[in-house]
Amino acid sequence: MNIGTLIKQKRREHGVSQNELAERSGMSRSTIINFEAGKRSPRVDDLQNIALALGEDELYFFTLNPPLPPTAAGEPTGQKSPSE
């Protein structure tokens, strides 16, 4: 999972729009859109501000193993297993 996907998943989990997240974190909506789409990489302070804007610990996005979204767990990856 890339950081943009994690930002989007966490934003949706909190029921926050891109516009609202932008306002809360002091960024533009286009910046949030670009982060979520993987077109731009957030800086450390961007990730801290986004986490705090979502009510999470400022280090949320820096954990080594963030939880997978519930819908992604168990879904096929499209890769063949070694036994195939």
C-alpha atoms as a PDB file:
ATOM      1  CA  MET A   1       0.000   0.000   0.000  1.00  0.00           C
ATOM      2  CA  ASN A   2       1.407   3.399  -0.902  1.00  0.00           C
ATOM      3  CA  ILE A   3       1.154   6.468   1.290  1.00  0.00           C
ATOM      4  CA  GLY A   4      -1.491   8.117  -0.899  1.00  0.00           C
ATOM      5  CA  THR A   5      -3.767   5.105  -0.564  1.00  0.00           C
ATOM      6  CA  LEU A   6      -3.243   5.106   3.190  1.00  0.00           C
ATOM      7  CA  ILE A   7      -4.109   8.821   3.425  1.00  0.00           C
ATOM      8  CA  LYS A   8      -7.289   8.289   1.386  1.00  0.00           C
ATOM      9  CA  GLN A   9      -8.310   5.237   3.408  1.00  0.00           C
ATOM     10  CA  LYS A  10      -7.792   7.035   6.716  1.00  0.00           C
ATOM     11  CA  ARG A  11      -9.618  10.152   5.460  1.00  0.00           C
ATOM     12  CA  ARG A  12     -12.616   8.080   4.374  1.00  0.00           C
ATOM     13  CA  GLU A  13     -12.550   6.123   7.635  1.00  0.00           C
ATOM     14  CA  HIS A  14     -13.005   9.440   9.458  1.00  0.00           C
ATOM     15  CA  GLY A  15     -15.747  10.593   7.060  1.00  0.00           C
ATOM     16  CA  VAL A  16     -13.774  13.654   5.962  1.00  0.00           C
ATOM     17  CA  SER A  17     -13.875  15.158   2.461  1.00  0.00           C
ATOM     18  CA  GLN A  18     -10.731  16.125   0.589  1.00  0.00           C
ATOM     19  CA  ASN A  19     -11.720  19.769   0.960  1.00  0.00           C
ATOM     20  CA  GLU A  20     -12.241  19.438   4.709  1.00  0.00           C
ATOM     21  CA  LEU A  21      -8.912  17.633   5.153  1.00  0.00           C
ATOM     22  CA  ALA A  22      -7.193  20.363   3.151  1.00  0.00           C
ATOM     23  CA  GLU A  23      -8.685  23.066   5.369  1.00  0.00           C
ATOM     24  CA  ARG A  24      -7.892  21.244   8.610  1.00  0.00           C
ATOM     25  CA  SER A  25      -4.289  20.525   7.576  1.00  0.00           C
ATOM     26  CA  GLY A  26      -3.560  23.940   6.050  1.00  0.00           C
ATOM     27  CA  MET A  27      -3.076  22.579   2.522  1.00  0.00           C
ATOM     28  CA  SER A  28      -4.877  23.051  -0.756  1.00  0.00           C
ATOM     29  CA  ARG A  29      -7.427  20.534  -2.005  1.00  0.00           C
ATOM     30  CA  SER A  30      -5.266  19.915  -5.073  1.00  0.00           C
ATOM     31  CA  THR A  31      -2.353  18.968  -2.820  1.00  0.00           C
ATOM     32  CA  ILE A  32      -4.496  16.375  -1.016  1.00  0.00           C
ATOM     33  CA  ILE A  33      -5.745  15.050  -4.366  1.00  0.00           C
ATOM     34  CA  ASN A  34      -2.173  14.745  -5.664  1.00  0.00           C
ATOM     35  CA  PHE A  35      -1.016  12.935  -2.509  1.00  0.00           C
ATOM     36  CA  GLU A  36      -3.897  10.464  -2.713  1.00  0.00           C
ATOM     37  CA  ALA A  37      -3.332   9.865  -6.436  1.00  0.00           C
ATOM     38  CA  GLY A  38       0.393   9.271  -5.915  1.00  0.00           C
ATOM     39  CA  LYS A  39       1.286  12.214  -8.157  1.00  0.00           C
ATOM     40  CA  ARG A  40       3.097  13.995  -5.352  1.00  0.00           C
ATOM     41  CA  SER A  41       4.901  12.693  -2.278  1.00  0.00           C
ATOM     42  CA  PRO A  42       4.079  14.334   1.037  1.00  0.00           C
ATOM     43  CA  ARG A  43       6.872  15.719   3.197  1.00  0.00           C
ATOM     44  CA  VAL A  44       7.260  14.617   6.802  1.00  0.00           C
ATOM     45  CA  ASP A  45       5.494  17.728   8.097  1.00  0.00           C
ATOM     46  CA  ASP A  46       2.652  17.201   5.594  1.00  0.00           C
ATOM     47  CA  LEU A  47       2.066  13.697   6.961  1.00  0.00           C
ATOM     48  CA  GLN A  48       2.151  14.956  10.534  1.00  0.00           C
ATOM     49  CA  ASN A  49      -0.381  17.695   9.717  1.00  0.00           C
ATOM     50  CA  ILE A  50      -2.679  15.261   7.908  1.00  0.00           C
ATOM     51  CA  ALA A  51      -2.546  12.796  10.803  1.00  0.00           C
ATOM     52  CA  LEU A  52      -3.351  15.510  13.339  1.00  0.00           C
ATOM     53  CA  ALA A  53      -6.149  16.869  11.113  1.00  0.00           C
ATOM     54  CA  LEU A  54      -7.693  13.395  11.175  1.00  0.00           C
ATOM     55  CA  GLY A  55      -7.411  13.109  14.951  1.00  0.00           C
ATOM     56  CA  GLU A  56      -4.584  10.586  14.794  1.00  0.00           C
ATOM     57  CA  ASP A  57      -1.204  10.639  16.492  1.00  0.00           C
ATOM     58  CA  GLU A  58       1.242  12.728  14.480  1.00  0.00           C
ATOM     59  CA  LEU A  59       3.377   9.614  13.950  1.00  0.00           C
ATOM     60  CA  TYR A  60       0.517   7.534  12.534  1.00  0.00           C
ATOM     61  CA  PHE A  61       1.880   7.438   8.977  1.00  0.00           C
ATOM     62  CA  PHE A  62       5.383   6.528  10.173  1.00  0.00           C
ATOM     63  CA  THR A  63       4.558   3.148  11.684  1.00  0.00           C
ATOM     64  CA  LEU A  64       6.359   0.242  10.056  1.00  0.00           C
ATOM     65  CA  ASN A  65       3.248  -1.874   9.570  1.00  0.00           C
ATOM     66  CA  PRO A  66       0.110   0.231   9.252  1.00  0.00           C
ATOM     67  CA  PRO A  67      -3.060  -1.843   9.270  1.00  0.00           C
ATOM     68  CA  LEU A  68      -4.475  -2.817   5.903  1.00  0.00           C
ATOM     69  CA  PRO A  69      -7.919  -1.494   5.075  1.00  0.00           C
ATOM     70  CA  PRO A  70     -10.575  -4.121   5.833  1.00  0.00           C
ATOM     71  CA  THR A  71     -11.568  -4.421   2.163  1.00  0.00           C
ATOM     72  CA  ALA A  72      -7.993  -5.224   1.090  1.00  0.00           C
ATOM     73  CA  ALA A  73      -7.476  -8.092   3.507  1.00  0.00           C
ATOM     74  CA  GLY A  74      -7.893 -11.394   1.783  1.00  0.00           C
ATOM     75  CA  GLU A  75      -8.458  -9.973  -1.695  1.00  0.00           C
ATOM     76  CA  PRO A  76      -6.553 -11.693  -4.490  1.00  0.00           C
ATOM     77  CA  THR A  77      -3.389  -9.861  -5.510  1.00  0.00           C
ATOM     78  CA  GLY A  78      -3.392 -11.070  -9.106  1.00  0.00           C
ATOM     79  CA  GLN A  79      -0.097 -12.835  -8.491  1.00  0.00           C
ATOM     80  CA  LYS A  80       0.267 -16.559  -8.912  1.00  0.00           C
ATOM     81  CA  SER A  81       1.260 -18.556  -5.912  1.00  0.00           C
ATOM     82  CA  PRO A  82       4.578 -20.432  -6.041  1.00  0.00           C
ATOM     83  CA  SER A  83       2.716 -23.736  -6.396  1.00  0.00           C
ATOM     84  CA  GLU A  84       0.985 -22.635  -9.639  1.00  0.00           C
END
